[in-house]
Amino acid sequence: MNKTVFACITGGWLFCGACAHHPQQPSSQSQDSVSHPDTTTHSYFPIADALEGEIRQIDSMPVAIRKVVTRNGRKDSAFIKPAEFDALAAQFVAPEFRNGRFEKEFTESSFIDNATQDVTFTYSTTNRFLPLQRVDIIASPQGASHQVKSIYLEKNRTSGDSSILDKMYWRSGRQFQVIRLIRVKDGPPVQQQLIVSWAAGRTNEDNE
C-alpha cells in the first residue's frame, strides 16, 4: 500500500533531524552504526500526526481489514469495518503525545545504521506512573527525505488486582499488533495477541 501519508508528514522532519543530530563520521570510523543521545532543544517526532494520517488514509481506501485475536491458544479471525479499525488503532495515539507532555516527560536518543541508513529514534521516561513508557521509531531514507517503517510502544497500567503490559507494533502500510501480558495477583500470567492487517490479507506470518 502506498505510504505517502507517513512520508509527507515526517519526511522533512526526519531529514532535518538526522542531519542535525548525526554529523558525518570521520573516514577512520570502522563501526557499522553510531548512537547519540539528544542534547539539543528541538521538536520531537510528530507521532500522533503520523499515526492519525495513516489511519485516515486507510479509512479512505477500499481495502479489506482483517483482525486476528489469539487468546489461550485459540485463534479467531474476521474482517472488520472501518469504525472498528479506527477504535482499535486509536490505542496507539497515546494521550502523552498531546499538550507538550511528551517533550516534558520523555527524553530522546537516536541511532543511524550506517549499512542501511535507517534511523531509529527512541523515547523513554523515568516517570513510572505514566502508562506510556517507551517509543521506538524506525525510518528509512527515501530520496531527500525519510519514510517511517515502524513505530513501537510499551504501555503499563493496572486494573483492579491485575497489571497489564502492552507491547504495540505498527508496521507502516501493512498491519499493527498488540501483545498484552496480564498478570493477576496470585495467578499465572495470561497473554493475548491482536493483529490487524490491511495489506493483501497479511497477518502474523508477515512479522519477520
N, C-alpha and C. Protein backbone atom coordinates (compact mmCIF):
# COMPACT_ATOMS: atom_id res chain seq x y z
N MET A 1 0.84 -1.18 0.00
CA MET A 1 0.00 0.00 0.00
C MET A 1 0.88 1.24 0.00
N ASN A 2 0.47 2.26 -0.66
CA ASN A 2 1.24 3.49 -0.73
C ASN A 2 1.41 4.10 0.65
N LYS A 3 2.65 4.54 0.97
CA LYS A 3 2.96 5.09 2.28
C LYS A 3 3.15 6.60 2.22
N THR A 4 2.48 7.26 1.27
CA THR A 4 2.68 8.67 1.03
C THR A 4 2.39 9.51 2.25
N VAL A 5 1.35 9.17 3.00
CA VAL A 5 0.96 9.98 4.15
C VAL A 5 2.08 10.03 5.17
N PHE A 6 2.64 8.86 5.55
CA PHE A 6 3.74 8.85 6.51
C PHE A 6 4.92 9.64 5.97
N ALA A 7 5.22 9.47 4.70
CA ALA A 7 6.38 10.14 4.12
C ALA A 7 6.20 11.64 4.14
N CYS A 8 5.01 12.12 3.77
CA CYS A 8 4.76 13.55 3.70
C CYS A 8 4.79 14.20 5.07
N ILE A 9 4.21 13.54 6.07
CA ILE A 9 4.14 14.13 7.40
C ILE A 9 5.51 14.20 8.04
N THR A 10 6.30 13.15 7.85
CA THR A 10 7.53 13.03 8.64
C THR A 10 8.80 13.19 7.85
N GLY A 11 8.72 13.22 6.52
CA GLY A 11 9.93 13.20 5.72
C GLY A 11 10.87 14.34 6.01
N GLY A 12 10.37 15.58 5.89
CA GLY A 12 11.23 16.73 6.11
C GLY A 12 11.77 16.78 7.52
N TRP A 13 10.94 16.45 8.49
CA TRP A 13 11.36 16.48 9.90
C TRP A 13 12.49 15.51 10.12
N LEU A 14 12.33 14.29 9.62
CA LEU A 14 13.36 13.28 9.83
C LEU A 14 14.65 13.65 9.13
N PHE A 15 14.55 14.22 7.93
CA PHE A 15 15.75 14.58 7.20
C PHE A 15 16.52 15.65 7.95
N CYS A 16 15.81 16.67 8.40
CA CYS A 16 16.48 17.73 9.16
C CYS A 16 17.02 17.21 10.48
N GLY A 17 16.20 16.38 11.17
CA GLY A 17 16.63 15.86 12.46
C GLY A 17 17.85 14.99 12.33
N ALA A 18 17.87 14.14 11.31
CA ALA A 18 19.01 13.25 11.13
C ALA A 18 20.26 14.03 10.82
N CYS A 19 20.14 15.07 10.01
CA CYS A 19 21.31 15.88 9.69
C CYS A 19 21.80 16.63 10.91
N ALA A 20 20.87 17.11 11.74
CA ALA A 20 21.25 17.90 12.91
C ALA A 20 21.92 17.06 13.96
N HIS A 21 21.47 15.81 14.14
CA HIS A 21 21.95 15.01 15.26
C HIS A 21 23.02 14.02 14.88
N HIS A 22 23.28 13.84 13.57
CA HIS A 22 24.22 12.82 13.16
C HIS A 22 25.18 13.35 12.11
N PRO A 23 26.16 14.16 12.51
CA PRO A 23 27.14 14.62 11.54
C PRO A 23 27.92 13.46 10.98
N GLN A 24 28.48 13.65 9.78
CA GLN A 24 29.21 12.57 9.13
C GLN A 24 30.39 12.13 9.97
N GLN A 25 30.56 10.82 10.12
CA GLN A 25 31.64 10.29 10.91
C GLN A 25 32.95 10.38 10.15
N PRO A 26 34.08 10.53 10.83
CA PRO A 26 35.37 10.54 10.17
C PRO A 26 35.56 9.25 9.39
N SER A 27 36.38 9.33 8.29
CA SER A 27 36.56 8.17 7.44
C SER A 27 37.23 7.03 8.16
N SER A 28 37.91 7.30 9.28
CA SER A 28 38.57 6.25 10.04
C SER A 28 37.62 5.44 10.89
N GLN A 29 36.38 5.90 10.99
CA GLN A 29 35.39 5.20 11.79
C GLN A 29 35.13 3.83 11.21
N SER A 30 35.23 2.78 12.01
CA SER A 30 35.07 1.42 11.50
C SER A 30 33.77 0.78 11.94
N GLN A 31 33.06 1.37 12.89
CA GLN A 31 31.84 0.76 13.37
C GLN A 31 30.73 0.90 12.34
N ASP A 32 29.77 -0.04 12.39
CA ASP A 32 28.69 -0.08 11.41
C ASP A 32 27.58 0.91 11.73
N SER A 33 27.47 1.35 12.97
CA SER A 33 26.41 2.27 13.35
C SER A 33 26.88 3.12 14.51
N VAL A 34 26.13 4.18 14.76
CA VAL A 34 26.53 5.11 15.80
C VAL A 34 25.31 5.62 16.53
N SER A 35 25.41 5.78 17.85
CA SER A 35 24.30 6.23 18.68
C SER A 35 24.67 7.52 19.37
N HIS A 36 23.74 8.49 19.37
CA HIS A 36 23.98 9.78 20.00
C HIS A 36 22.81 10.17 20.87
N PRO A 37 22.99 10.39 22.18
CA PRO A 37 21.91 10.96 22.96
C PRO A 37 21.61 12.36 22.45
N ASP A 38 20.37 12.75 22.51
CA ASP A 38 19.97 14.06 22.03
C ASP A 38 20.18 15.08 23.14
N THR A 39 20.98 16.11 22.84
CA THR A 39 21.28 17.11 23.86
C THR A 39 20.82 18.50 23.43
N THR A 40 20.18 18.63 22.28
CA THR A 40 19.74 19.94 21.82
C THR A 40 18.23 20.04 21.92
N THR A 41 17.74 21.27 21.95
CA THR A 41 16.31 21.50 22.02
C THR A 41 15.74 21.52 20.61
N HIS A 42 14.73 20.69 20.36
CA HIS A 42 14.12 20.63 19.05
C HIS A 42 12.76 19.96 19.19
N SER A 43 11.99 19.98 18.12
CA SER A 43 10.68 19.36 18.15
C SER A 43 10.83 17.85 18.06
N TYR A 44 10.06 17.16 18.90
CA TYR A 44 10.07 15.71 18.86
C TYR A 44 9.30 15.21 17.64
N PHE A 45 9.52 13.95 17.34
CA PHE A 45 8.85 13.31 16.22
C PHE A 45 7.32 13.43 16.37
N PRO A 46 6.60 13.85 15.31
CA PRO A 46 5.15 14.02 15.40
C PRO A 46 4.42 12.68 15.29
N ILE A 47 4.50 11.87 16.33
CA ILE A 47 3.98 10.50 16.29
C ILE A 47 2.46 10.48 16.07
N ALA A 48 1.75 11.28 16.85
CA ALA A 48 0.29 11.28 16.73
C ALA A 48 -0.15 11.68 15.33
N ASP A 49 0.48 12.70 14.76
CA ASP A 49 0.12 13.16 13.42
C ASP A 49 0.39 12.06 12.38
N ALA A 50 1.52 11.37 12.53
CA ALA A 50 1.86 10.31 11.57
C ALA A 50 0.86 9.17 11.63
N LEU A 51 0.54 8.74 12.86
CA LEU A 51 -0.41 7.64 13.01
C LEU A 51 -1.81 8.03 12.52
N GLU A 52 -2.27 9.19 12.92
CA GLU A 52 -3.61 9.62 12.50
C GLU A 52 -3.67 9.81 10.99
N GLY A 53 -2.57 10.24 10.39
CA GLY A 53 -2.54 10.39 8.94
C GLY A 53 -2.71 9.06 8.24
N GLU A 54 -2.05 8.02 8.72
CA GLU A 54 -2.21 6.72 8.05
C GLU A 54 -3.58 6.12 8.34
N ILE A 55 -4.11 6.34 9.53
CA ILE A 55 -5.46 5.86 9.84
C ILE A 55 -6.47 6.47 8.87
N ARG A 56 -6.36 7.79 8.64
CA ARG A 56 -7.27 8.45 7.70
C ARG A 56 -7.10 7.90 6.29
N GLN A 57 -5.85 7.61 5.91
CA GLN A 57 -5.60 7.08 4.58
C GLN A 57 -6.25 5.70 4.41
N ILE A 58 -6.13 4.86 5.42
CA ILE A 58 -6.74 3.53 5.36
C ILE A 58 -8.25 3.64 5.28
N ASP A 59 -8.82 4.56 6.06
CA ASP A 59 -10.27 4.76 6.02
C ASP A 59 -10.76 5.16 4.62
N SER A 60 -9.92 5.85 3.88
CA SER A 60 -10.34 6.37 2.57
C SER A 60 -10.13 5.39 1.43
N MET A 61 -9.50 4.25 1.72
CA MET A 61 -9.18 3.30 0.66
C MET A 61 -10.07 2.06 0.73
N PRO A 62 -10.39 1.48 -0.41
CA PRO A 62 -11.23 0.27 -0.43
C PRO A 62 -10.40 -0.99 -0.17
N VAL A 63 -9.88 -1.11 1.05
CA VAL A 63 -9.06 -2.28 1.39
C VAL A 63 -9.81 -3.15 2.40
N ALA A 64 -9.54 -4.43 2.35
CA ALA A 64 -10.11 -5.35 3.33
C ALA A 64 -9.26 -5.30 4.60
N ILE A 65 -9.90 -5.17 5.74
CA ILE A 65 -9.20 -5.07 7.02
C ILE A 65 -9.50 -6.33 7.82
N ARG A 66 -8.48 -7.04 8.21
CA ARG A 66 -8.66 -8.31 8.90
C ARG A 66 -8.13 -8.23 10.33
N LYS A 67 -8.88 -8.77 11.26
CA LYS A 67 -8.48 -8.82 12.66
C LYS A 67 -8.28 -10.27 13.08
N VAL A 68 -7.15 -10.54 13.74
CA VAL A 68 -6.87 -11.88 14.26
C VAL A 68 -6.59 -11.74 15.76
N VAL A 69 -7.32 -12.47 16.57
CA VAL A 69 -7.14 -12.44 18.03
C VAL A 69 -6.75 -13.84 18.49
N THR A 70 -5.66 -13.93 19.24
CA THR A 70 -5.22 -15.20 19.81
C THR A 70 -5.28 -15.09 21.33
N ARG A 71 -6.02 -16.00 21.94
CA ARG A 71 -6.22 -15.98 23.38
C ARG A 71 -6.31 -17.42 23.88
N ASN A 72 -5.49 -17.74 24.88
CA ASN A 72 -5.48 -19.10 25.46
C ASN A 72 -5.30 -20.18 24.38
N GLY A 73 -4.43 -19.88 23.43
CA GLY A 73 -4.15 -20.84 22.38
C GLY A 73 -5.19 -20.92 21.28
N ARG A 74 -6.24 -20.16 21.38
CA ARG A 74 -7.32 -20.17 20.38
C ARG A 74 -7.23 -18.94 19.50
N LYS A 75 -7.30 -19.15 18.20
CA LYS A 75 -7.18 -18.05 17.25
C LYS A 75 -8.52 -17.83 16.55
N ASP A 76 -8.97 -16.57 16.56
CA ASP A 76 -10.20 -16.19 15.87
C ASP A 76 -9.88 -15.05 14.91
N SER A 77 -10.43 -15.12 13.72
CA SER A 77 -10.18 -14.06 12.74
C SER A 77 -11.49 -13.64 12.08
N ALA A 78 -11.52 -12.39 11.66
CA ALA A 78 -12.71 -11.85 11.00
C ALA A 78 -12.32 -10.57 10.27
N PHE A 79 -13.06 -10.24 9.23
CA PHE A 79 -12.89 -8.96 8.57
C PHE A 79 -13.74 -7.93 9.31
N ILE A 80 -13.18 -6.74 9.48
CA ILE A 80 -13.85 -5.72 10.28
C ILE A 80 -14.11 -4.46 9.45
N LYS A 81 -15.03 -3.64 9.93
CA LYS A 81 -15.38 -2.40 9.27
C LYS A 81 -14.46 -1.28 9.74
N PRO A 82 -14.38 -0.18 8.98
CA PRO A 82 -13.50 0.93 9.34
C PRO A 82 -13.73 1.47 10.75
N ALA A 83 -14.98 1.49 11.22
CA ALA A 83 -15.25 2.02 12.55
C ALA A 83 -14.54 1.21 13.63
N GLU A 84 -14.56 -0.11 13.50
CA GLU A 84 -13.86 -0.95 14.48
C GLU A 84 -12.35 -0.80 14.33
N PHE A 85 -11.89 -0.72 13.09
CA PHE A 85 -10.46 -0.48 12.87
C PHE A 85 -10.01 0.80 13.56
N ASP A 86 -10.78 1.88 13.39
CA ASP A 86 -10.43 3.17 14.00
C ASP A 86 -10.34 3.04 15.52
N ALA A 87 -11.29 2.33 16.12
CA ALA A 87 -11.29 2.17 17.58
C ALA A 87 -10.06 1.40 18.06
N LEU A 88 -9.69 0.36 17.34
CA LEU A 88 -8.52 -0.43 17.73
C LEU A 88 -7.22 0.33 17.49
N ALA A 89 -7.15 1.04 16.38
CA ALA A 89 -5.94 1.79 16.05
C ALA A 89 -5.73 2.98 16.98
N ALA A 90 -6.82 3.52 17.54
CA ALA A 90 -6.73 4.71 18.38
C ALA A 90 -5.88 4.49 19.63
N GLN A 91 -5.72 3.22 20.06
CA GLN A 91 -4.93 2.97 21.26
C GLN A 91 -3.44 3.30 21.04
N PHE A 92 -3.02 3.42 19.79
CA PHE A 92 -1.64 3.81 19.51
C PHE A 92 -1.42 5.31 19.71
N VAL A 93 -2.48 6.09 19.60
CA VAL A 93 -2.36 7.54 19.75
C VAL A 93 -2.50 7.88 21.23
N ALA A 94 -1.40 7.72 21.96
CA ALA A 94 -1.42 7.85 23.42
C ALA A 94 -1.66 9.30 23.84
N PRO A 95 -2.37 9.52 24.97
CA PRO A 95 -2.59 10.88 25.47
C PRO A 95 -1.29 11.62 25.75
N GLU A 96 -0.22 10.88 26.06
CA GLU A 96 1.05 11.52 26.37
C GLU A 96 1.64 12.29 25.19
N PHE A 97 1.15 12.04 23.98
CA PHE A 97 1.65 12.74 22.81
C PHE A 97 1.12 14.16 22.71
N ARG A 98 0.14 14.50 23.51
CA ARG A 98 -0.56 15.77 23.38
C ARG A 98 -0.09 16.81 24.42
N ASN A 99 -0.37 18.07 24.08
CA ASN A 99 -0.21 19.20 25.01
C ASN A 99 1.20 19.35 25.58
N GLY A 100 2.19 18.97 24.78
CA GLY A 100 3.57 19.17 25.21
C GLY A 100 4.07 18.22 26.28
N ARG A 101 3.24 17.27 26.68
CA ARG A 101 3.66 16.36 27.75
C ARG A 101 4.76 15.42 27.30
N PHE A 102 4.73 15.04 26.04
CA PHE A 102 5.74 14.12 25.53
C PHE A 102 7.13 14.73 25.65
N GLU A 103 7.26 15.99 25.22
CA GLU A 103 8.55 16.68 25.31
C GLU A 103 8.99 16.89 26.75
N LYS A 104 8.05 17.06 27.64
CA LYS A 104 8.38 17.30 29.04
C LYS A 104 8.78 16.03 29.77
N GLU A 105 8.11 14.93 29.49
CA GLU A 105 8.29 13.72 30.28
C GLU A 105 9.27 12.71 29.65
N PHE A 106 9.57 12.86 28.36
CA PHE A 106 10.38 11.87 27.67
C PHE A 106 11.69 12.47 27.17
N THR A 107 12.72 11.65 27.14
CA THR A 107 14.00 12.04 26.56
C THR A 107 14.23 11.24 25.28
N GLU A 108 14.97 11.83 24.36
CA GLU A 108 15.19 11.22 23.05
C GLU A 108 16.64 10.79 22.87
N SER A 109 16.83 9.63 22.28
CA SER A 109 18.13 9.24 21.76
C SER A 109 17.92 8.76 20.34
N SER A 110 18.97 8.83 19.52
CA SER A 110 18.82 8.49 18.12
C SER A 110 20.01 7.68 17.64
N PHE A 111 19.77 6.93 16.59
CA PHE A 111 20.74 5.94 16.13
C PHE A 111 20.64 5.80 14.62
N ILE A 112 21.78 5.84 13.93
CA ILE A 112 21.80 5.62 12.49
C ILE A 112 22.57 4.34 12.19
N ASP A 113 21.97 3.47 11.41
CA ASP A 113 22.64 2.27 10.94
C ASP A 113 23.37 2.65 9.65
N ASN A 114 24.68 2.65 9.70
CA ASN A 114 25.44 3.11 8.54
C ASN A 114 25.32 2.16 7.34
N ALA A 115 24.93 0.93 7.58
CA ALA A 115 24.77 -0.02 6.48
C ALA A 115 23.51 0.26 5.68
N THR A 116 22.39 0.51 6.38
CA THR A 116 21.11 0.72 5.70
C THR A 116 20.68 2.18 5.68
N GLN A 117 21.31 3.00 6.53
CA GLN A 117 20.94 4.40 6.72
C GLN A 117 19.58 4.56 7.41
N ASP A 118 19.03 3.46 7.92
CA ASP A 118 17.81 3.57 8.73
C ASP A 118 18.11 4.37 9.99
N VAL A 119 17.15 5.18 10.39
CA VAL A 119 17.27 6.00 11.59
C VAL A 119 16.31 5.48 12.64
N THR A 120 16.81 5.28 13.85
CA THR A 120 15.96 4.86 14.97
C THR A 120 15.92 5.96 16.00
N PHE A 121 14.72 6.39 16.37
CA PHE A 121 14.52 7.35 17.45
C PHE A 121 13.88 6.61 18.62
N THR A 122 14.47 6.74 19.80
CA THR A 122 13.95 6.09 21.00
C THR A 122 13.59 7.15 22.02
N TYR A 123 12.38 7.05 22.57
CA TYR A 123 11.91 7.95 23.62
C TYR A 123 11.60 7.14 24.87
N SER A 124 12.11 7.59 26.01
CA SER A 124 11.89 6.89 27.27
C SER A 124 11.63 7.90 28.37
N THR A 125 11.04 7.41 29.46
CA THR A 125 10.70 8.27 30.58
C THR A 125 11.13 7.62 31.89
N THR A 126 11.42 8.46 32.86
CA THR A 126 11.71 7.97 34.22
C THR A 126 10.48 8.04 35.10
N ASN A 127 9.38 8.55 34.56
CA ASN A 127 8.13 8.66 35.32
C ASN A 127 7.38 7.33 35.22
N ARG A 128 7.51 6.49 36.22
CA ARG A 128 6.90 5.16 36.18
C ARG A 128 5.39 5.19 36.33
N PHE A 129 4.83 6.36 36.63
CA PHE A 129 3.38 6.47 36.78
C PHE A 129 2.68 6.74 35.45
N LEU A 130 3.43 7.03 34.41
CA LEU A 130 2.82 7.22 33.09
C LEU A 130 2.50 5.86 32.47
N PRO A 131 1.35 5.72 31.85
CA PRO A 131 1.07 4.46 31.14
C PRO A 131 2.08 4.20 30.02
N LEU A 132 2.36 5.22 29.21
CA LEU A 132 3.33 5.08 28.12
C LEU A 132 4.74 5.16 28.70
N GLN A 133 5.56 4.15 28.40
CA GLN A 133 6.90 4.10 28.96
C GLN A 133 8.00 4.18 27.91
N ARG A 134 7.73 3.77 26.68
CA ARG A 134 8.78 3.74 25.66
C ARG A 134 8.18 3.84 24.27
N VAL A 135 8.90 4.52 23.38
CA VAL A 135 8.52 4.60 21.98
C VAL A 135 9.78 4.46 21.14
N ASP A 136 9.73 3.59 20.12
CA ASP A 136 10.82 3.45 19.15
C ASP A 136 10.25 3.70 17.75
N ILE A 137 10.95 4.48 16.97
CA ILE A 137 10.53 4.77 15.60
C ILE A 137 11.69 4.45 14.67
N ILE A 138 11.42 3.71 13.61
CA ILE A 138 12.43 3.40 12.60
C ILE A 138 11.98 4.01 11.27
N ALA A 139 12.90 4.74 10.65
CA ALA A 139 12.60 5.37 9.36
C ALA A 139 13.73 5.06 8.38
N SER A 140 13.38 4.96 7.12
CA SER A 140 14.36 4.64 6.09
C SER A 140 14.48 5.79 5.10
N PRO A 141 15.66 5.94 4.48
CA PRO A 141 15.85 7.04 3.52
C PRO A 141 15.03 6.83 2.26
N GLN A 142 14.40 7.90 1.80
CA GLN A 142 13.63 7.89 0.55
C GLN A 142 13.98 9.18 -0.20
N GLY A 143 15.01 9.11 -1.02
CA GLY A 143 15.44 10.32 -1.73
C GLY A 143 15.96 11.35 -0.76
N ALA A 144 15.35 12.54 -0.79
CA ALA A 144 15.81 13.64 0.06
C ALA A 144 15.14 13.63 1.43
N SER A 145 14.33 12.61 1.71
CA SER A 145 13.63 12.56 2.99
C SER A 145 13.72 11.16 3.57
N HIS A 146 13.05 10.96 4.70
CA HIS A 146 12.99 9.64 5.33
C HIS A 146 11.53 9.23 5.50
N GLN A 147 11.28 7.94 5.39
CA GLN A 147 9.93 7.41 5.47
C GLN A 147 9.81 6.46 6.66
N VAL A 148 8.73 6.60 7.42
CA VAL A 148 8.52 5.76 8.59
C VAL A 148 8.33 4.31 8.19
N LYS A 149 9.05 3.41 8.83
CA LYS A 149 8.87 1.98 8.62
C LYS A 149 8.04 1.36 9.74
N SER A 150 8.31 1.76 10.97
CA SER A 150 7.58 1.15 12.09
C SER A 150 7.60 2.06 13.30
N ILE A 151 6.61 1.85 14.16
CA ILE A 151 6.52 2.54 15.46
C ILE A 151 6.22 1.48 16.51
N TYR A 152 6.99 1.49 17.59
CA TYR A 152 6.81 0.52 18.68
C TYR A 152 6.55 1.28 19.97
N LEU A 153 5.56 0.82 20.74
CA LEU A 153 5.21 1.44 22.02
C LEU A 153 5.13 0.38 23.10
N GLU A 154 5.46 0.78 24.32
CA GLU A 154 5.23 -0.05 25.50
C GLU A 154 4.40 0.75 26.50
N LYS A 155 3.32 0.11 26.98
CA LYS A 155 2.43 0.73 27.96
C LYS A 155 2.26 -0.19 29.16
N ASN A 156 2.19 0.43 30.35
CA ASN A 156 1.90 -0.30 31.59
C ASN A 156 0.70 0.32 32.27
N ARG A 157 -0.16 -0.51 32.81
CA ARG A 157 -1.27 0.02 33.60
C ARG A 157 -1.77 -1.06 34.56
N THR A 158 -2.56 -0.65 35.52
CA THR A 158 -3.19 -1.58 36.45
C THR A 158 -4.69 -1.49 36.34
N SER A 159 -5.34 -2.62 36.56
CA SER A 159 -6.80 -2.68 36.55
C SER A 159 -7.22 -3.64 37.66
N GLY A 160 -7.73 -3.08 38.75
CA GLY A 160 -8.08 -3.91 39.90
C GLY A 160 -6.82 -4.53 40.47
N ASP A 161 -6.79 -5.84 40.57
CA ASP A 161 -5.61 -6.52 41.09
C ASP A 161 -4.73 -7.08 39.98
N SER A 162 -4.90 -6.55 38.77
CA SER A 162 -4.13 -7.02 37.62
C SER A 162 -3.20 -5.92 37.11
N SER A 163 -2.01 -6.31 36.68
CA SER A 163 -1.11 -5.41 35.98
C SER A 163 -1.07 -5.82 34.52
N ILE A 164 -1.09 -4.84 33.63
CA ILE A 164 -1.20 -5.10 32.21
C ILE A 164 -0.05 -4.43 31.47
N LEU A 165 0.69 -5.20 30.70
CA LEU A 165 1.76 -4.69 29.86
C LEU A 165 1.36 -4.88 28.41
N ASP A 166 1.35 -3.79 27.66
CA ASP A 166 1.05 -3.84 26.23
C ASP A 166 2.31 -3.55 25.43
N LYS A 167 2.67 -4.46 24.53
CA LYS A 167 3.75 -4.24 23.58
C LYS A 167 3.11 -4.06 22.21
N MET A 168 3.25 -2.86 21.64
CA MET A 168 2.46 -2.46 20.49
C MET A 168 3.38 -2.12 19.31
N TYR A 169 3.07 -2.69 18.16
CA TYR A 169 3.95 -2.52 17.00
C TYR A 169 3.11 -2.14 15.78
N TRP A 170 3.46 -1.02 15.18
CA TRP A 170 2.76 -0.53 13.99
C TRP A 170 3.72 -0.61 12.82
N ARG A 171 3.38 -1.40 11.81
CA ARG A 171 4.19 -1.54 10.61
C ARG A 171 3.52 -0.77 9.49
N SER A 172 4.15 0.30 9.07
CA SER A 172 3.54 1.21 8.11
C SER A 172 3.12 0.50 6.83
N GLY A 173 1.87 0.76 6.42
CA GLY A 173 1.36 0.22 5.17
C GLY A 173 0.94 -1.22 5.21
N ARG A 174 1.01 -1.88 6.39
CA ARG A 174 0.70 -3.31 6.42
C ARG A 174 -0.20 -3.71 7.58
N GLN A 175 0.24 -3.47 8.82
CA GLN A 175 -0.50 -4.03 9.95
C GLN A 175 -0.08 -3.37 11.26
N PHE A 176 -0.86 -3.62 12.29
CA PHE A 176 -0.39 -3.36 13.65
C PHE A 176 -0.74 -4.55 14.52
N GLN A 177 0.00 -4.68 15.61
CA GLN A 177 -0.29 -5.76 16.54
C GLN A 177 -0.07 -5.29 17.97
N VAL A 178 -0.82 -5.89 18.87
CA VAL A 178 -0.71 -5.61 20.30
C VAL A 178 -0.58 -6.93 21.03
N ILE A 179 0.53 -7.12 21.72
CA ILE A 179 0.71 -8.28 22.59
C ILE A 179 0.47 -7.81 24.01
N ARG A 180 -0.52 -8.38 24.65
CA ARG A 180 -0.92 -7.95 26.01
C ARG A 180 -0.61 -9.07 27.01
N LEU A 181 0.18 -8.72 28.02
CA LEU A 181 0.51 -9.65 29.09
C LEU A 181 -0.20 -9.20 30.36
N ILE A 182 -1.10 -10.02 30.85
CA ILE A 182 -1.90 -9.70 32.03
C ILE A 182 -1.42 -10.54 33.20
N ARG A 183 -1.02 -9.89 34.26
CA ARG A 183 -0.58 -10.59 35.47
C ARG A 183 -1.57 -10.32 36.59
N VAL A 184 -2.23 -11.36 37.02
CA VAL A 184 -3.20 -11.26 38.10
C VAL A 184 -2.54 -11.72 39.40
N LYS A 185 -2.82 -11.01 40.47
CA LYS A 185 -2.23 -11.35 41.76
C LYS A 185 -2.51 -12.82 42.10
N ASP A 186 -1.43 -13.52 42.46
CA ASP A 186 -1.52 -14.94 42.86
C ASP A 186 -1.98 -15.85 41.72
N GLY A 187 -1.90 -15.38 40.51
CA GLY A 187 -2.31 -16.21 39.37
C GLY A 187 -1.25 -16.20 38.28
N PRO A 188 -1.32 -17.15 37.35
CA PRO A 188 -0.36 -17.20 36.25
C PRO A 188 -0.63 -16.07 35.25
N PRO A 189 0.41 -15.60 34.54
CA PRO A 189 0.20 -14.56 33.54
C PRO A 189 -0.60 -15.08 32.35
N VAL A 190 -1.36 -14.20 31.75
CA VAL A 190 -2.16 -14.53 30.58
C VAL A 190 -1.71 -13.64 29.43
N GLN A 191 -1.49 -14.23 28.27
CA GLN A 191 -1.05 -13.46 27.11
C GLN A 191 -2.12 -13.48 26.03
N GLN A 192 -2.36 -12.30 25.47
CA GLN A 192 -3.29 -12.15 24.36
C GLN A 192 -2.59 -11.43 23.22
N GLN A 193 -2.97 -11.74 22.01
CA GLN A 193 -2.38 -11.08 20.84
C GLN A 193 -3.47 -10.63 19.88
N LEU A 194 -3.34 -9.39 19.45
CA LEU A 194 -4.24 -8.82 18.45
C LEU A 194 -3.41 -8.40 17.25
N ILE A 195 -3.81 -8.82 16.06
CA ILE A 195 -3.17 -8.39 14.82
C ILE A 195 -4.25 -7.86 13.89
N VAL A 196 -4.04 -6.67 13.38
CA VAL A 196 -4.95 -6.07 12.41
C VAL A 196 -4.13 -5.75 11.17
N SER A 197 -4.53 -6.30 10.03
CA SER A 197 -3.78 -6.10 8.78
C SER A 197 -4.69 -5.54 7.71
N TRP A 198 -4.09 -4.76 6.82
CA TRP A 198 -4.88 -4.14 5.76
C TRP A 198 -4.15 -4.16 4.43
N ALA A 199 -3.15 -5.02 4.28
CA ALA A 199 -2.38 -5.09 3.04
C ALA A 199 -2.42 -6.51 2.49
N ALA A 200 -3.24 -6.74 1.50
CA ALA A 200 -3.32 -8.03 0.80
C ALA A 200 -3.55 -9.20 1.75
N GLY A 201 -4.28 -8.95 2.84
CA GLY A 201 -4.63 -10.02 3.77
C GLY A 201 -3.49 -10.53 4.63
N ARG A 202 -2.39 -9.78 4.71
CA ARG A 202 -1.26 -10.24 5.53
C ARG A 202 -1.63 -10.22 7.00
N THR A 203 -1.17 -11.21 7.75
CA THR A 203 -1.39 -11.24 9.19
C THR A 203 -0.08 -11.56 9.88
N ASN A 204 -0.12 -12.45 10.89
CA ASN A 204 1.06 -12.67 11.68
C ASN A 204 2.19 -13.38 10.95
N GLU A 205 1.92 -14.01 9.82
CA GLU A 205 3.01 -14.62 9.10
C GLU A 205 3.91 -13.60 8.45
N ASP A 206 3.52 -12.32 8.52
CA ASP A 206 4.28 -11.25 7.87
C ASP A 206 5.11 -10.46 8.87
N ASN A 207 5.39 -11.03 10.03
CA ASN A 207 6.03 -10.29 11.10
C ASN A 207 7.54 -10.27 11.00
N GLU A 208 8.13 -11.07 10.11
CA GLU A 208 9.57 -11.10 10.09
C GLU A 208 10.12 -9.76 9.66
